[in-house]
């Protein structure tokens, strides 16, 4: 599914690729597929099991971590592994209401900034995933700490 800015860019890129593509002028199909598979950044690679169910919506990372295909067909891959893990021994005993408000504000601002940078094509899918993982980590910390 192409997210090129125009048909000519799509054609120039696609003629070098060995795979099938949704025609650039089929906006409805392209948008529907993007929405169905929660495409948030580019490139996105969705991996399917032989029965047609989704193996992972994070196929790019799976492939990039196995460039020689030694683990192919990747059927035993877990969906996602967080980049950041909570270790309770490193957490403070308590957070004030102000601390929690500051964390939430920071997450919102970080997310907004990331979206704007993605629109300008200044960040890639891996960087967006990292922002999401850090935001999730902060949210998890706030749930664990009274």
C-alpha atoms as a PDB file:
ATOM      1  CA  UNK A   1       0.000   0.000   0.000  1.00  0.00           C
ATOM      2  CA  UNK A   2       1.568   3.238  -1.091  1.00  0.00           C
ATOM      3  CA  UNK A   3       1.588   6.467   0.848  1.00  0.00           C
ATOM      4  CA  UNK A   4       3.512   8.304  -1.846  1.00  0.00           C
ATOM      5  CA  UNK A   5       2.506  11.930  -2.317  1.00  0.00           C
ATOM      6  CA  UNK A   6       1.562  11.487  -5.974  1.00  0.00           C
ATOM      7  CA  UNK A   7       1.077   8.845  -8.648  1.00  0.00           C
ATOM      8  CA  UNK A   8       4.359   9.577 -10.383  1.00  0.00           C
ATOM      9  CA  UNK A   9       6.379   8.999  -7.188  1.00  0.00           C
ATOM     10  CA  UNK A  10       4.478   5.749  -6.684  1.00  0.00           C
ATOM     11  CA  UNK A  11       5.192   4.565 -10.244  1.00  0.00           C
ATOM     12  CA  UNK A  12       8.892   5.469 -10.017  1.00  0.00           C
ATOM     13  CA  UNK A  13       9.289   3.534  -6.773  1.00  0.00           C
ATOM     14  CA  UNK A  14       7.012   0.619  -7.635  1.00  0.00           C
ATOM     15  CA  UNK A  15       8.706  -0.255 -10.924  1.00  0.00           C
ATOM     16  CA  UNK A  16      11.794  -1.302  -8.922  1.00  0.00           C
ATOM     17  CA  UNK A  17       9.872  -3.481  -6.443  1.00  0.00           C
ATOM     18  CA  UNK A  18       9.166  -7.203  -6.853  1.00  0.00           C
ATOM     19  CA  UNK A  19       5.812  -7.206  -5.022  1.00  0.00           C
ATOM     20  CA  UNK A  20       2.201  -6.407  -5.803  1.00  0.00           C
ATOM     21  CA  UNK A  21       0.626  -3.077  -4.850  1.00  0.00           C
ATOM     22  CA  UNK A  22      -2.785  -1.497  -4.529  1.00  0.00           C
ATOM     23  CA  UNK A  23      -3.157   0.954  -7.450  1.00  0.00           C
ATOM     24  CA  UNK A  24      -2.235   4.466  -6.368  1.00  0.00           C
ATOM     25  CA  UNK A  25      -5.541   5.925  -7.556  1.00  0.00           C
ATOM     26  CA  UNK A  26      -7.593   3.519  -5.380  1.00  0.00           C
ATOM     27  CA  UNK A  27      -7.709   5.874  -2.376  1.00  0.00           C
ATOM     28  CA  UNK A  28     -10.542   3.997  -0.680  1.00  0.00           C
ATOM     29  CA  UNK A  29      -8.663   0.681  -0.650  1.00  0.00           C
ATOM     30  CA  UNK A  30      -5.401   2.279   0.465  1.00  0.00           C
ATOM     31  CA  UNK A  31      -7.086   4.139   3.351  1.00  0.00           C
ATOM     32  CA  UNK A  32      -9.128   1.101   4.366  1.00  0.00           C
ATOM     33  CA  UNK A  33      -6.074  -1.156   4.526  1.00  0.00           C
ATOM     34  CA  UNK A  34      -4.123   1.487   6.453  1.00  0.00           C
ATOM     35  CA  UNK A  35      -6.936   1.783   8.983  1.00  0.00           C
ATOM     36  CA  UNK A  36      -7.517  -1.984   9.235  1.00  0.00           C
ATOM     37  CA  UNK A  37      -3.880  -2.641  10.083  1.00  0.00           C
ATOM     38  CA  UNK A  38      -3.361   0.499  12.219  1.00  0.00           C
ATOM     39  CA  UNK A  39      -0.626   1.871   9.978  1.00  0.00           C
ATOM     40  CA  UNK A  40       0.969   4.687  11.967  1.00  0.00           C
ATOM     41  CA  UNK A  41       4.363   4.982  10.318  1.00  0.00           C
ATOM     42  CA  UNK A  42       6.244   3.962   7.235  1.00  0.00           C
ATOM     43  CA  UNK A  43       7.384   1.501   6.281  1.00  0.00           C
ATOM     44  CA  UNK A  44       4.908  -0.908   7.890  1.00  0.00           C
ATOM     45  CA  UNK A  45       5.073  -4.648   7.311  1.00  0.00           C
ATOM     46  CA  UNK A  46       2.239  -6.877   8.515  1.00  0.00           C
ATOM     47  CA  UNK A  47       3.065 -10.592   8.745  1.00  0.00           C
ATOM     48  CA  UNK A  48       0.337 -13.225   8.330  1.00  0.00           C
ATOM     49  CA  UNK A  49       0.179 -16.857   9.408  1.00  0.00           C
ATOM     50  CA  UNK A  50      -0.623 -19.498   6.766  1.00  0.00           C
ATOM     51  CA  UNK A  51      -4.264 -19.492   7.959  1.00  0.00           C
ATOM     52  CA  UNK A  52      -4.575 -15.766   7.156  1.00  0.00           C
ATOM     53  CA  UNK A  53      -4.553 -14.498  10.747  1.00  0.00           C
ATOM     54  CA  UNK A  54      -2.150 -11.735  11.710  1.00  0.00           C
ATOM     55  CA  UNK A  55       1.157 -12.936  13.094  1.00  0.00           C
ATOM     56  CA  UNK A  56       2.472  -9.434  13.761  1.00  0.00           C
ATOM     57  CA  UNK A  57       1.767  -5.855  12.789  1.00  0.00           C
ATOM     58  CA  UNK A  58       5.398  -5.178  13.632  1.00  0.00           C
ATOM     59  CA  UNK A  59       6.891  -7.294  10.858  1.00  0.00           C
ATOM     60  CA  UNK A  60       9.527  -4.758   9.930  1.00  0.00           C
ATOM     61  CA  UNK A  61      11.284  -5.171  13.281  1.00  0.00           C
ATOM     62  CA  UNK A  62      11.039  -8.973  13.067  1.00  0.00           C
ATOM     63  CA  UNK A  63      12.588  -8.998   9.588  1.00  0.00           C
ATOM     64  CA  UNK A  64      15.232  -6.391  10.487  1.00  0.00           C
ATOM     65  CA  UNK A  65      16.264  -8.536  13.475  1.00  0.00           C
ATOM     66  CA  UNK A  66      16.611 -11.608  11.234  1.00  0.00           C
ATOM     67  CA  UNK A  67      18.131 -10.288   7.994  1.00  0.00           C
ATOM     68  CA  UNK A  68      19.404 -13.730   6.945  1.00  0.00           C
ATOM     69  CA  UNK A  69      15.996 -15.333   7.540  1.00  0.00           C
ATOM     70  CA  UNK A  70      17.402 -17.866  10.002  1.00  0.00           C
ATOM     71  CA  UNK A  71      14.230 -17.762  12.121  1.00  0.00           C
ATOM     72  CA  UNK A  72      11.849 -17.742   9.143  1.00  0.00           C
ATOM     73  CA  UNK A  73       8.853 -18.271   9.044  1.00  0.00           C
ATOM     74  CA  UNK A  74       8.839 -16.404  12.388  1.00  0.00           C
ATOM     75  CA  UNK A  75       5.719 -18.262  13.565  1.00  0.00           C
ATOM     76  CA  UNK A  76       6.914 -18.327  17.169  1.00  0.00           C
ATOM     77  CA  UNK A  77       7.580 -14.585  17.405  1.00  0.00           C
ATOM     78  CA  UNK A  78       5.731 -12.740  20.129  1.00  0.00           C
ATOM     79  CA  UNK A  79       3.756  -9.720  18.909  1.00  0.00           C
ATOM     80  CA  UNK A  80       5.801  -7.028  20.597  1.00  0.00           C
ATOM     81  CA  UNK A  81       8.596  -6.760  23.094  1.00  0.00           C
ATOM     82  CA  UNK A  82       8.757  -3.488  24.996  1.00  0.00           C
ATOM     83  CA  UNK A  83      11.903  -1.418  24.594  1.00  0.00           C
ATOM     84  CA  UNK A  84      11.610  -0.320  28.214  1.00  0.00           C
ATOM     85  CA  UNK A  85      10.885  -2.591  31.176  1.00  0.00           C
ATOM     86  CA  UNK A  86       9.648  -1.507  34.611  1.00  0.00           C
ATOM     87  CA  UNK A  87      11.832  -2.582  37.501  1.00  0.00           C
ATOM     88  CA  UNK A  88       9.955  -1.818  40.693  1.00  0.00           C
ATOM     89  CA  UNK A  89      13.157  -1.526  42.712  1.00  0.00           C
ATOM     90  CA  UNK A  90      14.004   1.642  40.737  1.00  0.00           C
ATOM     91  CA  UNK A  91      10.619   3.339  41.237  1.00  0.00           C
ATOM     92  CA  UNK A  92       9.892   5.998  43.830  1.00  0.00           C
ATOM     93  CA  UNK A  93       7.560   5.000  46.655  1.00  0.00           C
ATOM     94  CA  UNK A  94       4.980   7.662  45.874  1.00  0.00           C
ATOM     95  CA  UNK A  95       4.042  10.244  43.230  1.00  0.00           C
ATOM     96  CA  UNK A  96       2.234  13.455  44.035  1.00  0.00           C
ATOM     97  CA  UNK A  97      -0.778  14.571  42.015  1.00  0.00           C
ATOM     98  CA  UNK A  98       1.417  17.304  40.528  1.00  0.00           C
ATOM     99  CA  UNK A  99       4.028  14.703  39.471  1.00  0.00           C
ATOM    100  CA  UNK A 100       1.348  12.671  37.705  1.00  0.00           C
ATOM    101  CA  UNK A 101      -0.024  15.776  35.966  1.00  0.00           C
ATOM    102  CA  UNK A 102       3.466  16.701  34.790  1.00  0.00           C
ATOM    103  CA  UNK A 103       4.043  13.171  33.450  1.00  0.00           C
ATOM    104  CA  UNK A 104       0.716  13.164  31.590  1.00  0.00           C
ATOM    105  CA  UNK A 105       1.414  16.605  30.123  1.00  0.00           C
ATOM    106  CA  UNK A 106       4.874  15.438  29.041  1.00  0.00           C
ATOM    107  CA  UNK A 107       3.422  12.343  27.352  1.00  0.00           C
ATOM    108  CA  UNK A 108       0.843  14.454  25.509  1.00  0.00           C
ATOM    109  CA  UNK A 109       3.456  16.951  24.336  1.00  0.00           C
ATOM    110  CA  UNK A 110       5.876  14.213  23.294  1.00  0.00           C
ATOM    111  CA  UNK A 111       3.119  12.477  21.329  1.00  0.00           C
ATOM    112  CA  UNK A 112       2.026  15.698  19.613  1.00  0.00           C
ATOM    113  CA  UNK A 113       5.596  16.606  18.754  1.00  0.00           C
ATOM    114  CA  UNK A 114       6.207  13.116  17.337  1.00  0.00           C
ATOM    115  CA  UNK A 115       3.086  13.278  15.186  1.00  0.00           C
ATOM    116  CA  UNK A 116       4.101  16.677  13.810  1.00  0.00           C
ATOM    117  CA  UNK A 117       7.625  15.461  13.085  1.00  0.00           C
ATOM    118  CA  UNK A 118       6.244  12.338  11.409  1.00  0.00           C
ATOM    119  CA  UNK A 119       4.052  14.505   9.175  1.00  0.00           C
ATOM    120  CA  UNK A 120       7.178  16.397   8.152  1.00  0.00           C
ATOM    121  CA  UNK A 121       8.901  13.030   7.594  1.00  0.00           C
ATOM    122  CA  UNK A 122      11.582  13.828  10.189  1.00  0.00           C
ATOM    123  CA  UNK A 123      11.060  10.616  12.177  1.00  0.00           C
ATOM    124  CA  UNK A 124      10.670   7.009  11.119  1.00  0.00           C
ATOM    125  CA  UNK A 125       8.447   4.164  12.321  1.00  0.00           C
ATOM    126  CA  UNK A 126      11.079   2.846  14.743  1.00  0.00           C
ATOM    127  CA  UNK A 127      11.371   6.256  16.409  1.00  0.00           C
ATOM    128  CA  UNK A 128       7.590   6.543  16.681  1.00  0.00           C
ATOM    129  CA  UNK A 129       7.452   3.080  18.244  1.00  0.00           C
ATOM    130  CA  UNK A 130      10.104   4.140  20.740  1.00  0.00           C
ATOM    131  CA  UNK A 131       8.061   7.211  21.712  1.00  0.00           C
ATOM    132  CA  UNK A 132       5.013   4.982  22.158  1.00  0.00           C
ATOM    133  CA  UNK A 133       6.994   2.515  24.295  1.00  0.00           C
ATOM    134  CA  UNK A 134       8.389   5.281  26.506  1.00  0.00           C
ATOM    135  CA  UNK A 135       4.907   6.789  26.886  1.00  0.00           C
ATOM    136  CA  UNK A 136       3.502   3.371  27.811  1.00  0.00           C
ATOM    137  CA  UNK A 137       6.340   2.889  30.286  1.00  0.00           C
ATOM    138  CA  UNK A 138       5.529   6.180  32.017  1.00  0.00           C
ATOM    139  CA  UNK A 139       1.820   5.283  32.130  1.00  0.00           C
ATOM    140  CA  UNK A 140       2.641   1.864  33.628  1.00  0.00           C
ATOM    141  CA  UNK A 141       4.851   3.486  36.262  1.00  0.00           C
ATOM    142  CA  UNK A 142       2.049   5.836  37.255  1.00  0.00           C
ATOM    143  CA  UNK A 143      -0.312   2.855  37.641  1.00  0.00           C
ATOM    144  CA  UNK A 144       2.138   0.960  39.864  1.00  0.00           C
ATOM    145  CA  UNK A 145       3.092   3.873  42.103  1.00  0.00           C
ATOM    146  CA  UNK A 146       0.448   5.164  44.537  1.00  0.00           C
END
